[in-house]
């Protein structure tokens, strides 16, 4: 099954066709490639409310159910991904430390 044309948009960075779907784990939006692929690790389905929902294909639930299609997350296939953010916070320098203890 393929997504309907109403769900397909264009990536602003690489101009690829994508769909926005809500994750079933926490309800956050995730871009997904619009073309189904057997190499994908996501299962996408359209809910009864017309919204696309996405879940991970894991070892516990590897099957693709009727009404779902297998897709790749667009972050993995984007030709012009956004710059990566560092996981570490930079060391903070202390400026303007009070030279005397607080007075009560």
N, C-alpha and C. Protein backbone atom coordinates (compact mmCIF):
# COMPACT_ATOMS: atom_id res chain seq x y z
N UNK A 1 0.85 -1.19 0.00
CA UNK A 1 0.00 0.00 0.00
C UNK A 1 0.88 1.24 0.00
N UNK A 2 0.47 2.24 -0.73
CA UNK A 2 1.21 3.50 -0.81
C UNK A 2 0.41 4.59 -0.11
N UNK A 3 1.11 5.65 0.34
CA UNK A 3 0.37 6.77 0.94
C UNK A 3 -0.41 7.53 -0.12
N UNK A 4 -1.50 8.14 0.30
CA UNK A 4 -2.28 8.93 -0.65
C UNK A 4 -1.56 10.24 -0.94
N UNK A 5 -1.94 10.88 -2.03
CA UNK A 5 -1.26 12.10 -2.44
C UNK A 5 -1.51 13.25 -1.46
N UNK A 6 -2.53 13.15 -0.63
CA UNK A 6 -2.79 14.22 0.33
C UNK A 6 -1.75 14.24 1.45
N UNK A 7 -1.09 13.10 1.70
CA UNK A 7 -0.09 13.02 2.76
C UNK A 7 1.32 13.36 2.29
N UNK A 8 1.55 13.38 0.99
CA UNK A 8 2.90 13.56 0.46
C UNK A 8 3.26 15.03 0.41
N UNK A 9 4.44 15.35 0.94
CA UNK A 9 5.00 16.70 0.86
C UNK A 9 6.43 16.57 0.33
N UNK A 10 7.09 17.71 0.21
CA UNK A 10 8.46 17.76 -0.31
C UNK A 10 9.41 18.18 0.80
N UNK A 11 10.56 17.49 0.92
CA UNK A 11 11.58 17.86 1.90
C UNK A 11 12.19 19.20 1.48
N UNK A 12 12.32 20.11 2.43
CA UNK A 12 12.86 21.43 2.12
C UNK A 12 14.36 21.39 1.82
N UNK A 13 15.06 20.37 2.28
CA UNK A 13 16.50 20.32 2.09
C UNK A 13 16.90 19.60 0.80
N UNK A 14 16.26 18.46 0.50
CA UNK A 14 16.70 17.67 -0.66
C UNK A 14 15.63 17.51 -1.73
N UNK A 15 14.45 18.07 -1.53
CA UNK A 15 13.33 18.02 -2.48
C UNK A 15 12.83 16.60 -2.75
N UNK A 16 13.00 15.70 -1.81
CA UNK A 16 12.48 14.33 -1.95
C UNK A 16 11.03 14.30 -1.48
N UNK A 17 10.30 13.30 -1.94
CA UNK A 17 8.90 13.14 -1.52
C UNK A 17 8.88 12.43 -0.17
N UNK A 18 8.22 13.06 0.81
CA UNK A 18 8.14 12.49 2.16
C UNK A 18 6.71 12.57 2.67
N UNK A 19 6.46 11.85 3.75
CA UNK A 19 5.19 11.92 4.47
C UNK A 19 5.52 12.18 5.93
N UNK A 20 4.68 12.93 6.59
CA UNK A 20 4.83 13.13 8.03
C UNK A 20 3.88 12.19 8.73
N UNK A 21 4.41 11.45 9.71
CA UNK A 21 3.60 10.48 10.45
C UNK A 21 3.83 10.68 11.94
N UNK A 22 2.84 10.28 12.73
CA UNK A 22 2.97 10.33 14.18
C UNK A 22 3.48 8.99 14.68
N UNK A 23 4.46 9.03 15.60
CA UNK A 23 4.97 7.78 16.15
C UNK A 23 3.97 7.22 17.14
N UNK A 24 3.84 5.91 17.16
CA UNK A 24 2.91 5.28 18.09
C UNK A 24 3.48 5.27 19.50
N UNK A 25 4.79 5.39 19.65
CA UNK A 25 5.42 5.35 20.97
C UNK A 25 5.13 6.61 21.78
N UNK A 26 5.30 7.79 21.16
CA UNK A 26 5.13 9.02 21.93
C UNK A 26 4.37 10.12 21.19
N UNK A 27 3.85 9.86 20.02
CA UNK A 27 3.02 10.83 19.32
C UNK A 27 3.78 11.98 18.69
N UNK A 28 5.08 11.85 18.51
CA UNK A 28 5.87 12.90 17.86
C UNK A 28 5.85 12.71 16.35
N UNK A 29 6.04 13.82 15.62
CA UNK A 29 6.04 13.77 14.16
C UNK A 29 7.38 13.25 13.65
N UNK A 30 7.34 12.40 12.63
CA UNK A 30 8.55 11.85 12.04
C UNK A 30 8.42 11.86 10.52
N UNK A 31 9.43 12.37 9.81
CA UNK A 31 9.37 12.31 8.35
C UNK A 31 9.73 10.90 7.87
N UNK A 32 8.97 10.42 6.91
CA UNK A 32 9.15 9.07 6.37
C UNK A 32 9.19 9.20 4.85
N UNK A 33 10.05 8.42 4.20
CA UNK A 33 10.08 8.42 2.74
C UNK A 33 8.73 7.96 2.20
N UNK A 34 8.26 8.61 1.15
CA UNK A 34 6.93 8.31 0.61
C UNK A 34 6.90 6.99 -0.15
N UNK A 35 8.05 6.57 -0.69
CA UNK A 35 8.09 5.33 -1.45
C UNK A 35 8.32 4.14 -0.51
N UNK A 36 7.46 3.13 -0.55
CA UNK A 36 7.68 1.93 0.27
C UNK A 36 8.95 1.19 -0.17
N UNK A 37 9.64 0.60 0.80
CA UNK A 37 10.84 -0.16 0.51
C UNK A 37 10.93 -1.36 1.45
N UNK A 38 11.43 -2.47 0.94
CA UNK A 38 11.56 -3.68 1.77
C UNK A 38 12.70 -3.55 2.76
N UNK A 39 13.63 -2.61 2.54
CA UNK A 39 14.76 -2.42 3.44
C UNK A 39 14.41 -1.51 4.62
N UNK A 40 13.21 -0.98 4.67
CA UNK A 40 12.82 -0.05 5.72
C UNK A 40 12.65 -0.71 7.07
N UNK A 41 12.84 0.09 8.11
CA UNK A 41 12.67 -0.42 9.47
C UNK A 41 11.47 0.21 10.17
N UNK A 42 10.56 0.79 9.39
CA UNK A 42 9.33 1.38 9.92
C UNK A 42 8.12 0.78 9.23
N UNK A 43 7.05 0.66 9.98
CA UNK A 43 5.77 0.24 9.41
C UNK A 43 4.83 1.42 9.53
N UNK A 44 4.25 1.85 8.41
CA UNK A 44 3.39 3.03 8.35
C UNK A 44 1.98 2.59 8.00
N UNK A 45 1.00 3.18 8.67
CA UNK A 45 -0.40 2.88 8.36
C UNK A 45 -1.24 4.14 8.51
N UNK A 46 -2.33 4.18 7.80
CA UNK A 46 -3.27 5.30 7.93
C UNK A 46 -4.35 4.89 8.90
N UNK A 47 -4.52 5.70 9.95
CA UNK A 47 -5.52 5.41 10.97
C UNK A 47 -6.92 5.75 10.49
N UNK A 48 -7.93 5.38 11.28
CA UNK A 48 -9.31 5.68 10.90
C UNK A 48 -9.61 7.17 10.85
N UNK A 49 -8.77 7.98 11.52
CA UNK A 49 -8.94 9.43 11.50
C UNK A 49 -8.24 10.08 10.32
N UNK A 50 -7.59 9.29 9.44
CA UNK A 50 -6.93 9.82 8.26
C UNK A 50 -5.49 10.23 8.50
N UNK A 51 -4.98 10.09 9.71
CA UNK A 51 -3.62 10.47 10.06
C UNK A 51 -2.71 9.26 9.86
N UNK A 52 -1.47 9.52 9.39
CA UNK A 52 -0.50 8.44 9.25
C UNK A 52 0.17 8.17 10.59
N UNK A 53 0.32 6.90 10.93
CA UNK A 53 1.00 6.48 12.15
C UNK A 53 2.17 5.58 11.77
N UNK A 54 3.25 5.68 12.52
CA UNK A 54 4.45 4.91 12.23
C UNK A 54 4.90 4.18 13.49
N UNK A 55 5.40 2.96 13.29
CA UNK A 55 5.97 2.19 14.39
C UNK A 55 7.24 1.54 13.89
N UNK A 56 8.12 1.18 14.81
CA UNK A 56 9.36 0.51 14.44
C UNK A 56 9.11 -0.97 14.20
N UNK A 57 9.80 -1.51 13.22
CA UNK A 57 9.77 -2.95 12.98
C UNK A 57 10.90 -3.53 13.82
N UNK A 58 10.55 -4.29 14.84
CA UNK A 58 11.54 -4.83 15.78
C UNK A 58 11.52 -6.35 15.73
N UNK A 59 12.44 -6.96 16.47
CA UNK A 59 12.48 -8.42 16.54
C UNK A 59 11.23 -8.95 17.23
N UNK A 60 10.68 -8.18 18.16
CA UNK A 60 9.46 -8.61 18.85
C UNK A 60 8.24 -8.54 17.94
N UNK A 61 8.21 -7.55 17.04
CA UNK A 61 7.08 -7.39 16.10
C UNK A 61 7.62 -7.16 14.69
N UNK A 62 8.15 -8.22 14.05
CA UNK A 62 8.76 -8.05 12.73
C UNK A 62 7.77 -8.08 11.57
N UNK A 63 6.54 -8.46 11.84
CA UNK A 63 5.58 -8.64 10.75
C UNK A 63 4.95 -7.31 10.33
N UNK A 64 4.66 -7.22 9.04
CA UNK A 64 3.94 -6.07 8.49
C UNK A 64 2.49 -6.51 8.37
N UNK A 65 1.62 -5.82 9.10
CA UNK A 65 0.20 -6.20 9.12
C UNK A 65 -0.53 -5.68 7.89
N UNK A 66 -1.70 -6.21 7.59
CA UNK A 66 -2.49 -5.70 6.46
C UNK A 66 -2.82 -4.22 6.68
N UNK A 67 -2.67 -3.45 5.63
CA UNK A 67 -2.93 -2.01 5.72
C UNK A 67 -1.68 -1.20 6.03
N UNK A 68 -0.57 -1.85 6.36
CA UNK A 68 0.69 -1.16 6.62
C UNK A 68 1.62 -1.29 5.42
N UNK A 69 2.59 -0.38 5.31
CA UNK A 69 3.65 -0.54 4.33
C UNK A 69 4.96 -0.24 5.01
N UNK A 70 6.02 -0.82 4.50
CA UNK A 70 7.34 -0.70 5.10
C UNK A 70 8.06 0.48 4.45
N UNK A 71 8.67 1.34 5.27
CA UNK A 71 9.32 2.54 4.77
C UNK A 71 10.58 2.84 5.57
N UNK A 72 11.38 3.75 5.03
CA UNK A 72 12.61 4.20 5.70
C UNK A 72 12.34 5.57 6.32
N UNK A 73 12.96 5.86 7.48
CA UNK A 73 12.87 7.22 8.00
C UNK A 73 13.65 8.15 7.08
N UNK A 74 13.12 9.34 6.84
CA UNK A 74 13.76 10.24 5.88
C UNK A 74 15.10 10.76 6.41
N UNK A 75 15.28 10.80 7.71
CA UNK A 75 16.57 11.24 8.25
C UNK A 75 17.70 10.34 7.79
N UNK A 76 17.41 9.07 7.52
CA UNK A 76 18.44 8.13 7.09
C UNK A 76 18.78 8.26 5.61
N UNK A 77 17.87 8.81 4.81
CA UNK A 77 18.09 8.85 3.37
C UNK A 77 18.21 10.26 2.80
N UNK A 78 18.09 11.29 3.61
CA UNK A 78 18.13 12.67 3.12
C UNK A 78 19.51 12.97 2.53
N UNK A 79 19.51 13.57 1.35
CA UNK A 79 20.76 13.90 0.67
C UNK A 79 21.43 15.14 1.27
N UNK A 80 20.68 15.97 1.95
CA UNK A 80 21.22 17.20 2.56
C UNK A 80 20.71 17.29 4.00
N UNK A 81 21.19 16.41 4.89
CA UNK A 81 20.67 16.41 6.27
C UNK A 81 21.11 17.65 7.03
N UNK A 82 20.37 18.03 8.06
CA UNK A 82 20.79 19.17 8.88
C UNK A 82 22.06 18.82 9.63
N UNK A 83 22.82 19.84 10.04
CA UNK A 83 24.05 19.54 10.79
C UNK A 83 23.71 18.85 12.11
N UNK A 84 24.57 17.91 12.49
CA UNK A 84 24.34 17.16 13.72
C UNK A 84 24.66 18.03 14.92
N UNK A 85 23.84 17.87 15.96
CA UNK A 85 24.09 18.57 17.21
C UNK A 85 24.95 17.69 18.09
N UNK A 86 25.81 18.31 18.85
CA UNK A 86 26.67 17.56 19.75
C UNK A 86 25.85 17.04 20.93
N UNK A 87 26.13 15.81 21.34
CA UNK A 87 25.43 15.23 22.49
C UNK A 87 25.97 15.80 23.80
N UNK A 88 27.23 16.22 23.77
CA UNK A 88 27.84 16.78 24.98
C UNK A 88 27.57 18.28 25.03
N UNK A 89 27.43 18.77 26.23
CA UNK A 89 27.35 20.21 26.39
C UNK A 89 28.77 20.73 26.56
N UNK A 90 29.08 21.87 25.99
CA UNK A 90 30.45 22.39 26.14
C UNK A 90 30.73 22.77 27.59
N UNK A 91 32.00 22.73 27.92
CA UNK A 91 32.40 23.11 29.28
C UNK A 91 32.03 24.58 29.51
N UNK A 92 31.42 24.83 30.65
CA UNK A 92 31.00 26.18 30.97
C UNK A 92 32.07 26.83 31.83
N UNK A 93 32.40 28.03 31.49
CA UNK A 93 33.34 28.78 32.31
C UNK A 93 32.55 29.62 33.30
N UNK A 94 33.08 29.73 34.47
CA UNK A 94 32.42 30.51 35.50
C UNK A 94 32.93 31.94 35.43
N UNK A 95 32.01 32.84 35.23
CA UNK A 95 32.36 34.25 35.12
C UNK A 95 31.59 35.01 36.19
N UNK A 96 32.26 35.92 36.85
CA UNK A 96 31.59 36.76 37.83
C UNK A 96 31.24 36.03 39.11
N UNK A 97 32.13 35.17 39.57
CA UNK A 97 31.88 34.45 40.80
C UNK A 97 32.01 35.42 41.97
N UNK A 98 31.10 35.30 42.88
CA UNK A 98 31.09 36.16 44.06
C UNK A 98 32.33 35.86 44.92
N UNK A 99 33.18 36.85 45.20
CA UNK A 99 34.43 36.59 45.92
C UNK A 99 34.24 36.32 47.41
N UNK A 100 33.10 36.67 47.97
CA UNK A 100 32.87 36.46 49.39
C UNK A 100 31.65 35.58 49.57
N UNK A 101 31.55 34.88 50.69
CA UNK A 101 30.35 34.07 50.92
C UNK A 101 29.11 34.93 51.09
N UNK A 102 27.97 34.32 50.86
CA UNK A 102 26.70 35.03 51.01
C UNK A 102 26.52 35.47 52.46
N UNK A 103 25.97 36.65 52.66
CA UNK A 103 25.67 37.16 53.99
C UNK A 103 24.22 36.81 54.34
N UNK A 104 24.01 36.42 55.57
CA UNK A 104 22.64 36.15 56.02
C UNK A 104 22.15 37.23 56.90
